[in-house]
Amino acid sequence: MELANRLFFRLYQCANMLHKTGTRAVEAQGLTTQQWAVLGALSRPEAADGMSVGDLARYLMVSRQNLSGLISRMERDGHLGSAPDGRDRRSRRITMTESGREVWVNEAQPNIRRYYGQALAGFSVGDMAHTLHYLLKLLGNMQRLDEEGVAAAEDGHEASDAATPG
């Protein structure tokens, strides 16, 4: 228990420092780490035609509610555009604008590369590969817990709905 507590506390600290120092790395571009993550997700070749808000939220593992405000701010800043999704008119498709792509490729990327170099100082390729392996293993376990929690909550709602006279 003590070792697990130390591990999760360090993970918590790393996440907080990522937000703090990562945002500092891209603040000259008017970005935060959350906006960096959105632009990074949308810059992938498989997202060339944009992503639905739901798909983007699932990819980033955030709630649609948290993502909604972020997308609005990024649209206001000219980094993102949205349009009705051709496959599902109820859904919006989010794309990176030309201005957003310019900021991402020519301004933010050099700072992000420099940040990675500084944050990973002293890490060998093997260290990075091992760290990635263990983080993916932990993430998989956490995703399973999340899915079980969602299923249990849904079962609880169904049970309470069945018990409620209608």
C-alpha atoms as a PDB file:
ATOM      1  CA  MET A   1       0.000   0.000   0.000  1.00  0.00           C
ATOM      2  CA  GLU A   2       2.789   2.437   0.890  1.00  0.00           C
ATOM      3  CA  LEU A   3       4.591   1.866  -2.418  1.00  0.00           C
ATOM      4  CA  ALA A   4       1.324   2.222  -4.381  1.00  0.00           C
ATOM      5  CA  ASN A   5       0.560   5.455  -2.519  1.00  0.00           C
ATOM      6  CA  ARG A   6       4.001   6.853  -3.343  1.00  0.00           C
ATOM      7  CA  LEU A   7       3.648   5.829  -6.994  1.00  0.00           C
ATOM      8  CA  PHE A   8       0.244   7.475  -7.444  1.00  0.00           C
ATOM      9  CA  PHE A   9       1.305  10.582  -5.548  1.00  0.00           C
ATOM     10  CA  ARG A  10       4.341  10.974  -7.845  1.00  0.00           C
ATOM     11  CA  LEU A  11       2.088  10.450 -10.855  1.00  0.00           C
ATOM     12  CA  TYR A  12      -0.214  13.172  -9.509  1.00  0.00           C
ATOM     13  CA  GLN A  13       2.776  15.489  -9.023  1.00  0.00           C
ATOM     14  CA  CYS A  14       4.046  14.749 -12.542  1.00  0.00           C
ATOM     15  CA  ALA A  15       0.625  15.567 -14.023  1.00  0.00           C
ATOM     16  CA  ASN A  16       0.526  18.868 -12.141  1.00  0.00           C
ATOM     17  CA  MET A  17       4.081  19.755 -13.187  1.00  0.00           C
ATOM     18  CA  LEU A  18       3.267  18.829 -16.793  1.00  0.00           C
ATOM     19  CA  HIS A  19       0.417  21.345 -16.754  1.00  0.00           C
ATOM     20  CA  LYS A  20       2.558  24.007 -15.081  1.00  0.00           C
ATOM     21  CA  THR A  21       5.819  23.634 -17.027  1.00  0.00           C
ATOM     22  CA  GLY A  22       4.200  22.476 -20.271  1.00  0.00           C
ATOM     23  CA  THR A  23       1.915  25.495 -20.346  1.00  0.00           C
ATOM     24  CA  ARG A  24       4.946  27.711 -19.739  1.00  0.00           C
ATOM     25  CA  ALA A  25       6.598  26.103 -22.793  1.00  0.00           C
ATOM     26  CA  VAL A  26       3.721  27.113 -25.108  1.00  0.00           C
ATOM     27  CA  GLU A  27       2.351  30.222 -23.415  1.00  0.00           C
ATOM     28  CA  ALA A  28       4.022  32.534 -25.956  1.00  0.00           C
ATOM     29  CA  GLN A  29       1.693  30.948 -28.534  1.00  0.00           C
ATOM     30  CA  GLY A  30      -1.298  31.614 -26.254  1.00  0.00           C
ATOM     31  CA  LEU A  31      -1.700  27.883 -25.547  1.00  0.00           C
ATOM     32  CA  THR A  32      -2.151  25.688 -22.491  1.00  0.00           C
ATOM     33  CA  THR A  33      -1.289  22.003 -22.173  1.00  0.00           C
ATOM     34  CA  GLN A  34      -4.957  21.183 -22.735  1.00  0.00           C
ATOM     35  CA  GLN A  35      -4.976  23.174 -25.982  1.00  0.00           C
ATOM     36  CA  TRP A  36      -1.654  21.570 -26.919  1.00  0.00           C
ATOM     37  CA  ALA A  37      -3.306  18.152 -26.496  1.00  0.00           C
ATOM     38  CA  VAL A  38      -6.268  19.135 -28.696  1.00  0.00           C
ATOM     39  CA  LEU A  39      -4.034  20.481 -31.465  1.00  0.00           C
ATOM     40  CA  GLY A  40      -1.824  17.408 -31.192  1.00  0.00           C
ATOM     41  CA  ALA A  41      -4.834  15.097 -31.509  1.00  0.00           C
ATOM     42  CA  LEU A  42      -6.149  16.995 -34.530  1.00  0.00           C
ATOM     43  CA  SER A  43      -2.710  17.116 -36.198  1.00  0.00           C
ATOM     44  CA  ARG A  44      -2.536  13.325 -36.571  1.00  0.00           C
ATOM     45  CA  PRO A  45      -2.974  12.015 -40.141  1.00  0.00           C
ATOM     46  CA  GLU A  46      -6.038   9.977 -39.135  1.00  0.00           C
ATOM     47  CA  ALA A  47      -7.706  13.212 -37.964  1.00  0.00           C
ATOM     48  CA  ALA A  48      -7.040  15.097 -41.219  1.00  0.00           C
ATOM     49  CA  ASP A  49     -10.802  15.470 -41.764  1.00  0.00           C
ATOM     50  CA  GLY A  50     -11.344  16.493 -38.159  1.00  0.00           C
ATOM     51  CA  MET A  51     -12.959  14.615 -35.301  1.00  0.00           C
ATOM     52  CA  SER A  52     -16.372  14.618 -33.702  1.00  0.00           C
ATOM     53  CA  VAL A  53     -16.497  16.169 -30.251  1.00  0.00           C
ATOM     54  CA  GLY A  54     -17.295  12.742 -28.785  1.00  0.00           C
ATOM     55  CA  ASP A  55     -14.364  11.053 -30.543  1.00  0.00           C
ATOM     56  CA  LEU A  56     -12.019  13.844 -29.478  1.00  0.00           C
ATOM     57  CA  ALA A  57     -13.214  13.585 -25.867  1.00  0.00           C
ATOM     58  CA  ARG A  58     -12.704   9.802 -25.891  1.00  0.00           C
ATOM     59  CA  TYR A  59      -9.249  10.128 -27.472  1.00  0.00           C
ATOM     60  CA  LEU A  60      -8.143  12.709 -24.894  1.00  0.00           C
ATOM     61  CA  MET A  61      -9.980  10.869 -22.089  1.00  0.00           C
ATOM     62  CA  VAL A  62     -11.821  13.962 -20.908  1.00  0.00           C
ATOM     63  CA  SER A  63     -15.497  14.686 -20.482  1.00  0.00           C
ATOM     64  CA  ARG A  64     -17.441  16.309 -23.302  1.00  0.00           C
ATOM     65  CA  GLN A  65     -18.336  19.096 -20.860  1.00  0.00           C
ATOM     66  CA  ASN A  66     -14.671  19.903 -20.132  1.00  0.00           C
ATOM     67  CA  LEU A  67     -13.822  19.740 -23.818  1.00  0.00           C
ATOM     68  CA  SER A  68     -16.736  21.951 -24.869  1.00  0.00           C
ATOM     69  CA  GLY A  69     -15.439  25.091 -23.149  1.00  0.00           C
ATOM     70  CA  LEU A  70     -11.916  24.429 -24.381  1.00  0.00           C
ATOM     71  CA  ILE A  71     -13.117  24.049 -27.974  1.00  0.00           C
ATOM     72  CA  SER A  72     -15.129  27.274 -27.713  1.00  0.00           C
ATOM     73  CA  ARG A  73     -12.075  29.220 -26.530  1.00  0.00           C
ATOM     74  CA  MET A  74      -9.926  27.710 -29.278  1.00  0.00           C
ATOM     75  CA  GLU A  75     -12.560  28.596 -31.902  1.00  0.00           C
ATOM     76  CA  ARG A  76     -12.647  32.140 -30.546  1.00  0.00           C
ATOM     77  CA  ASP A  77      -8.831  32.298 -30.828  1.00  0.00           C
ATOM     78  CA  GLY A  78      -9.020  31.081 -34.442  1.00  0.00           C
ATOM     79  CA  HIS A  79      -7.241  27.741 -33.864  1.00  0.00           C
ATOM     80  CA  LEU A  80     -10.245  25.489 -34.468  1.00  0.00           C
ATOM     81  CA  GLY A  81     -13.325  25.396 -36.622  1.00  0.00           C
ATOM     82  CA  SER A  82     -16.460  23.333 -36.270  1.00  0.00           C
ATOM     83  CA  ALA A  83     -19.250  22.320 -38.587  1.00  0.00           C
ATOM     84  CA  PRO A  84     -22.103  19.824 -38.478  1.00  0.00           C
ATOM     85  CA  ASP A  85     -20.792  16.288 -38.958  1.00  0.00           C
ATOM     86  CA  GLY A  86     -21.861  14.979 -42.361  1.00  0.00           C
ATOM     87  CA  ARG A  87     -22.366  11.496 -40.906  1.00  0.00           C
ATOM     88  CA  ASP A  88     -24.385  12.653 -37.886  1.00  0.00           C
ATOM     89  CA  ARG A  89     -26.032  16.077 -38.108  1.00  0.00           C
ATOM     90  CA  ARG A  90     -26.492  16.176 -34.320  1.00  0.00           C
ATOM     91  CA  SER A  91     -22.716  16.059 -33.873  1.00  0.00           C
ATOM     92  CA  ARG A  92     -20.114  18.727 -34.618  1.00  0.00           C
ATOM     93  CA  ARG A  93     -16.878  17.954 -36.439  1.00  0.00           C
ATOM     94  CA  ILE A  94     -13.846  19.814 -35.065  1.00  0.00           C
ATOM     95  CA  THR A  95     -10.976  20.738 -37.374  1.00  0.00           C
ATOM     96  CA  MET A  96      -7.783  22.703 -37.030  1.00  0.00           C
ATOM     97  CA  THR A  97      -7.873  25.976 -38.973  1.00  0.00           C
ATOM     98  CA  GLU A  98      -4.997  27.170 -41.152  1.00  0.00           C
ATOM     99  CA  SER A  99      -4.155  29.658 -38.408  1.00  0.00           C
ATOM    100  CA  GLY A 100      -4.221  26.848 -35.836  1.00  0.00           C
ATOM    101  CA  ARG A 101      -1.992  24.688 -38.029  1.00  0.00           C
ATOM    102  CA  GLU A 102       0.468  27.578 -38.447  1.00  0.00           C
ATOM    103  CA  VAL A 103       0.668  28.089 -34.673  1.00  0.00           C
ATOM    104  CA  TRP A 104       0.956  24.326 -34.080  1.00  0.00           C
ATOM    105  CA  VAL A 105       3.584  23.491 -36.712  1.00  0.00           C
ATOM    106  CA  ASN A 106       5.748  26.600 -36.837  1.00  0.00           C
ATOM    107  CA  GLU A 107       5.479  28.044 -33.347  1.00  0.00           C
ATOM    108  CA  ALA A 108       4.415  25.466 -30.754  1.00  0.00           C
ATOM    109  CA  GLN A 109       6.240  22.377 -32.102  1.00  0.00           C
ATOM    110  CA  PRO A 110       9.778  23.795 -31.714  1.00  0.00           C
ATOM    111  CA  ASN A 111       8.976  24.788 -28.110  1.00  0.00           C
ATOM    112  CA  ILE A 112       7.426  21.385 -27.399  1.00  0.00           C
ATOM    113  CA  ARG A 113      10.488  19.572 -28.762  1.00  0.00           C
ATOM    114  CA  ARG A 114      12.715  21.737 -26.574  1.00  0.00           C
ATOM    115  CA  TYR A 115      10.456  21.042 -23.573  1.00  0.00           C
ATOM    116  CA  TYR A 116      10.592  17.274 -24.196  1.00  0.00           C
ATOM    117  CA  GLY A 117      14.385  17.431 -24.338  1.00  0.00           C
ATOM    118  CA  GLN A 118      14.558  19.309 -21.053  1.00  0.00           C
ATOM    119  CA  ALA A 119      11.930  17.204 -19.246  1.00  0.00           C
ATOM    120  CA  LEU A 120      13.496  13.935 -20.439  1.00  0.00           C
ATOM    121  CA  ALA A 121      17.103  14.958 -19.696  1.00  0.00           C
ATOM    122  CA  GLY A 122      19.022  11.920 -18.514  1.00  0.00           C
ATOM    123  CA  PHE A 123      16.508   9.446 -19.963  1.00  0.00           C
ATOM    124  CA  SER A 124      17.899   6.875 -22.382  1.00  0.00           C
ATOM    125  CA  VAL A 125      15.787   5.525 -25.234  1.00  0.00           C
ATOM    126  CA  GLY A 126      15.380   2.386 -23.118  1.00  0.00           C
ATOM    127  CA  ASP A 127      14.228   4.443 -20.126  1.00  0.00           C
ATOM    128  CA  MET A 128      11.610   6.152 -22.281  1.00  0.00           C
ATOM    129  CA  ALA A 129      10.434   2.839 -23.792  1.00  0.00           C
ATOM    130  CA  HIS A 130      10.118   1.231 -20.346  1.00  0.00           C
ATOM    131  CA  THR A 131       8.301   4.253 -18.923  1.00  0.00           C
ATOM    132  CA  LEU A 132       5.894   4.246 -21.864  1.00  0.00           C
ATOM    133  CA  HIS A 133       5.291   0.510 -21.418  1.00  0.00           C
ATOM    134  CA  TYR A 134       4.396   0.887 -17.740  1.00  0.00           C
ATOM    135  CA  LEU A 135       2.266   3.985 -18.277  1.00  0.00           C
ATOM    136  CA  LEU A 136       0.299   2.161 -20.998  1.00  0.00           C
ATOM    137  CA  LYS A 137      -0.159  -0.809 -18.659  1.00  0.00           C
ATOM    138  CA  LEU A 138      -1.404   1.488 -15.869  1.00  0.00           C
ATOM    139  CA  LEU A 139      -3.650   3.375 -18.296  1.00  0.00           C
ATOM    140  CA  GLY A 140      -5.188   0.107 -19.506  1.00  0.00           C
ATOM    141  CA  ASN A 141      -6.006  -0.910 -15.933  1.00  0.00           C
ATOM    142  CA  MET A 142      -7.499   2.513 -15.217  1.00  0.00           C
ATOM    143  CA  GLN A 143      -9.604   2.364 -18.402  1.00  0.00           C
ATOM    144  CA  ARG A 144     -10.936  -1.021 -17.309  1.00  0.00           C
ATOM    145  CA  LEU A 145     -11.837   0.443 -13.903  1.00  0.00           C
ATOM    146  CA  ASP A 146     -13.572   3.355 -15.634  1.00  0.00           C
ATOM    147  CA  GLU A 147     -15.599   1.029 -17.858  1.00  0.00           C
ATOM    148  CA  GLU A 148     -16.583  -1.095 -14.858  1.00  0.00           C
ATOM    149  CA  GLY A 149     -17.609   2.052 -12.975  1.00  0.00           C
ATOM    150  CA  VAL A 150     -19.730   3.258 -15.875  1.00  0.00           C
ATOM    151  CA  ALA A 151     -21.362  -0.174 -16.220  1.00  0.00           C
ATOM    152  CA  ALA A 152     -22.051  -0.332 -12.467  1.00  0.00           C
ATOM    153  CA  ALA A 153     -23.558   3.160 -12.517  1.00  0.00           C
ATOM    154  CA  GLU A 154     -25.762   2.218 -15.470  1.00  0.00           C
ATOM    155  CA  ASP A 155     -26.857  -0.971 -13.694  1.00  0.00           C
ATOM    156  CA  GLY A 156     -27.662   1.102 -10.624  1.00  0.00           C
ATOM    157  CA  HIS A 157     -29.776   3.514 -12.683  1.00  0.00           C
ATOM    158  CA  GLU A 158     -31.617   0.643 -14.334  1.00  0.00           C
ATOM    159  CA  ALA A 159     -32.290  -0.964 -10.951  1.00  0.00           C
ATOM    160  CA  SER A 160     -33.578   2.313  -9.488  1.00  0.00           C
ATOM    161  CA  ASP A 161     -35.657   2.986 -12.624  1.00  0.00           C
ATOM    162  CA  ALA A 162     -37.220  -0.481 -12.320  1.00  0.00           C
ATOM    163  CA  ALA A 163     -38.030   0.137  -8.656  1.00  0.00           C
ATOM    164  CA  THR A 164     -39.617   3.521  -9.339  1.00  0.00           C
ATOM    165  CA  PRO A 165     -43.363   3.334  -9.964  1.00  0.00           C
ATOM    166  CA  GLY A 166     -44.211   4.916 -13.260  1.00  0.00           C
END
